[in-house]
Amino acid sequence: MIEIEAVQPTAREFRAIGRGWGAIHWACVPYTYAFLAGFLIYGVVVGSIAGDFLPPLLFSGLLAASWIVWWASARAVRWAAAAATKKSPAGLLPWKWSIGPDGILFANGLQTNEVDWRAVKTVREEDDRFLFLVTPAYNPVLPKRLLDEGQLTELRRLIEDVKASGRLGRGVD
């Protein structure tokens, strides 16, 4: 059993997942950026029809302003989510992870969550973290900085053993 105390990933360690869930990862791209693409196409068409009748920099200024508003609103959403997390009783508590042959147990004093290896689609090791892909909306992150060399070796061996036994991801096939 591997025990890790005080697990609290940093913002960098909690960064978005770029691979692992296939098309679901890319499904948000069209509706996130469609307005900018549409605005760009509309501006090019109107600019080619109107020619010199449009004030200089009108289109590019509106495009830049739209992008700035989009960027600022995305930052505001992240800020609001962080503020809501701070208000949550369990939002900022450190987690204790217990990883063993049966799965992963997470506990923080107010809540406990147990994940069987059959519920984990895959485990991805990156430079600074381990990702446990459970559902597209739930992917626990274990920072490598919290593991000593012995724990890293034991975790890698455990993951290989669970893969070899056919239990990792068995529930999602």
Protein backbone atom coordinates (compact mmCIF):
# COMPACT_ATOMS: atom_id res chain seq x y z
CA MET A 1 0.00 0.00 0.00
CA ILE A 2 1.37 3.40 -1.00
CA GLU A 3 0.34 6.21 1.37
CA ILE A 4 0.68 9.85 0.30
CA GLU A 5 -0.24 12.62 2.75
CA ALA A 6 -1.30 16.22 2.01
CA VAL A 7 -2.06 15.88 -1.69
CA GLN A 8 -2.95 19.32 -3.05
CA PRO A 9 -2.02 19.74 -6.73
CA THR A 10 -0.91 23.18 -7.87
CA ALA A 11 -2.67 25.01 -10.71
CA ARG A 12 0.02 23.79 -13.12
CA GLU A 13 -0.43 20.19 -11.98
CA PHE A 14 -4.21 20.60 -12.38
CA ARG A 15 -3.82 21.84 -15.96
CA ALA A 16 -6.17 20.59 -18.65
CA ILE A 17 -5.76 17.10 -20.05
CA GLY A 18 -4.66 17.08 -23.68
CA ARG A 19 -4.99 13.34 -24.34
CA GLY A 20 -6.81 10.38 -22.98
CA TRP A 21 -10.50 10.85 -23.76
CA GLY A 22 -10.41 11.04 -27.55
CA ALA A 23 -13.03 13.15 -29.31
CA ILE A 24 -14.56 14.42 -26.05
CA HIS A 25 -11.48 16.57 -25.51
CA TRP A 26 -11.99 18.30 -28.87
CA ALA A 27 -15.80 18.53 -28.76
CA CYS A 28 -15.66 21.90 -26.98
CA VAL A 29 -13.44 23.56 -29.57
CA PRO A 30 -16.12 24.47 -32.16
CA TYR A 31 -18.50 26.21 -29.79
CA THR A 32 -15.67 27.85 -27.88
CA TYR A 33 -14.03 29.45 -30.90
CA ALA A 34 -16.88 29.51 -33.46
CA PHE A 35 -17.79 33.14 -32.77
CA LEU A 36 -14.24 34.30 -33.54
CA ALA A 37 -14.10 32.28 -36.76
CA GLY A 38 -17.54 33.56 -37.78
CA PHE A 39 -16.56 37.13 -36.96
CA LEU A 40 -13.37 36.76 -39.00
CA ILE A 41 -15.23 35.37 -42.04
CA TYR A 42 -17.92 38.05 -41.78
CA GLY A 43 -15.28 40.78 -41.55
CA VAL A 44 -13.39 39.53 -44.58
CA VAL A 45 -16.58 39.32 -46.66
CA VAL A 46 -17.86 42.76 -45.57
CA GLY A 47 -14.40 44.25 -46.03
CA SER A 48 -14.13 42.90 -49.57
CA ILE A 49 -17.62 44.17 -50.49
CA ALA A 50 -17.37 47.58 -48.81
CA GLY A 51 -13.79 48.24 -49.83
CA ASP A 52 -12.60 51.71 -48.80
CA PHE A 53 -15.95 52.78 -47.33
CA LEU A 54 -15.14 51.19 -43.95
CA PRO A 55 -13.14 53.23 -41.44
CA PRO A 56 -9.53 52.05 -41.13
CA LEU A 57 -8.89 49.41 -38.44
CA LEU A 58 -12.63 48.99 -37.75
CA PHE A 59 -12.65 45.27 -38.41
CA SER A 60 -9.30 44.47 -36.81
CA GLY A 61 -10.14 46.65 -33.79
CA LEU A 62 -13.48 44.90 -33.28
CA LEU A 63 -11.81 41.49 -33.68
CA ALA A 64 -9.14 42.40 -31.12
CA ALA A 65 -11.77 43.79 -28.72
CA SER A 66 -13.84 40.60 -29.08
CA TRP A 67 -10.80 38.46 -28.31
CA ILE A 68 -9.96 40.60 -25.24
CA VAL A 69 -13.53 40.29 -23.93
CA TRP A 70 -13.44 36.50 -24.53
CA TRP A 71 -10.08 36.18 -22.71
CA ALA A 72 -11.24 38.39 -19.80
CA SER A 73 -14.46 36.42 -19.38
CA ALA A 74 -12.52 33.12 -19.31
CA ARG A 75 -10.27 34.57 -16.57
CA ALA A 76 -13.35 35.74 -14.64
CA VAL A 77 -14.85 32.25 -14.77
CA ARG A 78 -11.61 30.74 -13.42
CA TRP A 79 -11.50 33.37 -10.66
CA ALA A 80 -15.14 32.74 -9.71
CA ALA A 81 -14.55 28.97 -9.60
CA ALA A 82 -11.51 29.46 -7.34
CA ALA A 83 -13.52 31.75 -5.04
CA ALA A 84 -16.34 29.21 -4.83
CA THR A 85 -13.82 26.45 -3.99
CA LYS A 86 -12.45 28.57 -1.12
CA LYS A 87 -15.97 28.88 0.31
CA SER A 88 -16.56 25.11 0.16
CA PRO A 89 -15.95 23.34 3.49
CA ALA A 90 -13.95 20.58 1.80
CA GLY A 91 -12.62 22.66 -1.11
CA LEU A 92 -9.14 23.39 0.18
CA LEU A 93 -8.52 20.43 2.46
CA PRO A 94 -5.47 18.28 1.67
CA TRP A 95 -6.18 14.70 0.63
CA LYS A 96 -4.60 11.49 1.83
CA TRP A 97 -4.17 8.96 -0.96
CA SER A 98 -3.87 5.22 -0.32
CA ILE A 99 -3.00 3.26 -3.45
CA GLY A 100 -3.03 -0.51 -3.38
CA PRO A 101 -3.81 -3.61 -5.43
CA ASP A 102 -7.57 -3.05 -5.09
CA GLY A 103 -7.63 0.61 -6.15
CA ILE A 104 -7.25 4.12 -4.77
CA LEU A 105 -8.74 5.56 -1.59
CA PHE A 106 -8.93 9.35 -1.21
CA ALA A 107 -9.82 10.91 2.16
CA ASN A 108 -9.69 14.45 3.53
CA GLY A 109 -11.47 14.24 6.88
CA LEU A 110 -14.87 15.33 5.55
CA GLN A 111 -15.25 12.93 2.66
CA THR A 112 -13.87 9.66 1.36
CA ASN A 113 -13.82 8.33 -2.18
CA GLU A 114 -12.75 4.86 -3.26
CA VAL A 115 -11.98 4.01 -6.88
CA ASP A 116 -11.55 0.39 -7.96
CA TRP A 117 -8.90 -0.23 -10.63
CA ARG A 118 -11.67 -1.50 -12.95
CA ALA A 119 -13.12 2.04 -12.94
CA VAL A 120 -9.85 3.62 -14.10
CA LYS A 121 -9.62 3.80 -17.90
CA THR A 122 -5.87 4.31 -17.81
CA VAL A 123 -3.07 5.89 -15.79
CA ARG A 124 -0.92 8.42 -17.60
CA GLU A 125 2.49 9.37 -16.27
CA GLU A 126 3.65 12.84 -17.27
CA ASP A 127 6.77 14.80 -16.31
CA ASP A 128 5.29 16.21 -13.10
CA ARG A 129 2.16 14.17 -12.39
CA PHE A 130 0.21 10.94 -12.63
CA LEU A 131 -3.28 11.18 -14.15
CA PHE A 132 -5.89 8.58 -13.26
CA LEU A 133 -8.54 8.78 -16.00
CA VAL A 134 -11.83 7.72 -14.40
CA THR A 135 -14.47 9.75 -16.31
CA PRO A 136 -14.11 12.72 -18.67
CA ALA A 137 -15.11 14.98 -15.75
CA TYR A 138 -13.18 13.17 -12.99
CA ASN A 139 -9.44 12.61 -13.39
CA PRO A 140 -7.54 12.59 -10.08
CA VAL A 141 -4.07 14.13 -10.25
CA LEU A 142 -1.16 12.89 -8.14
CA PRO A 143 1.85 15.26 -8.19
CA LYS A 144 5.17 13.42 -8.52
CA ARG A 145 6.84 15.94 -6.19
CA LEU A 146 5.03 14.25 -3.28
CA LEU A 147 6.53 10.81 -3.99
CA ASP A 148 10.00 9.67 -3.01
CA GLU A 149 11.96 7.35 -5.31
CA GLY A 150 10.77 4.22 -3.51
CA GLN A 151 7.12 5.26 -3.85
CA LEU A 152 7.59 6.15 -7.54
CA THR A 153 9.09 2.74 -8.23
CA GLU A 154 6.38 0.96 -6.23
CA LEU A 155 3.58 2.93 -7.98
CA ARG A 156 4.98 2.16 -11.44
CA ARG A 157 5.26 -1.53 -10.52
CA LEU A 158 1.72 -1.55 -9.12
CA ILE A 159 0.33 0.06 -12.28
CA GLU A 160 2.12 -2.51 -14.44
CA ASP A 161 0.81 -5.35 -12.25
CA VAL A 162 -2.76 -4.05 -12.48
CA LYS A 163 -2.44 -3.71 -16.28
CA ALA A 164 -0.99 -7.20 -16.58
CA SER A 165 -3.80 -8.67 -14.48
CA GLY A 166 -6.38 -7.12 -16.81
CA ARG A 167 -8.08 -5.14 -14.05
CA LEU A 168 -7.09 -1.60 -15.18
CA GLY A 169 -9.94 -0.27 -17.28
CA ARG A 170 -11.82 -3.56 -17.26
CA GLY A 171 -15.07 -1.85 -16.29
CA VAL A 172 -15.03 0.49 -19.32
CA ASP A 173 -14.56 -2.08 -22.10
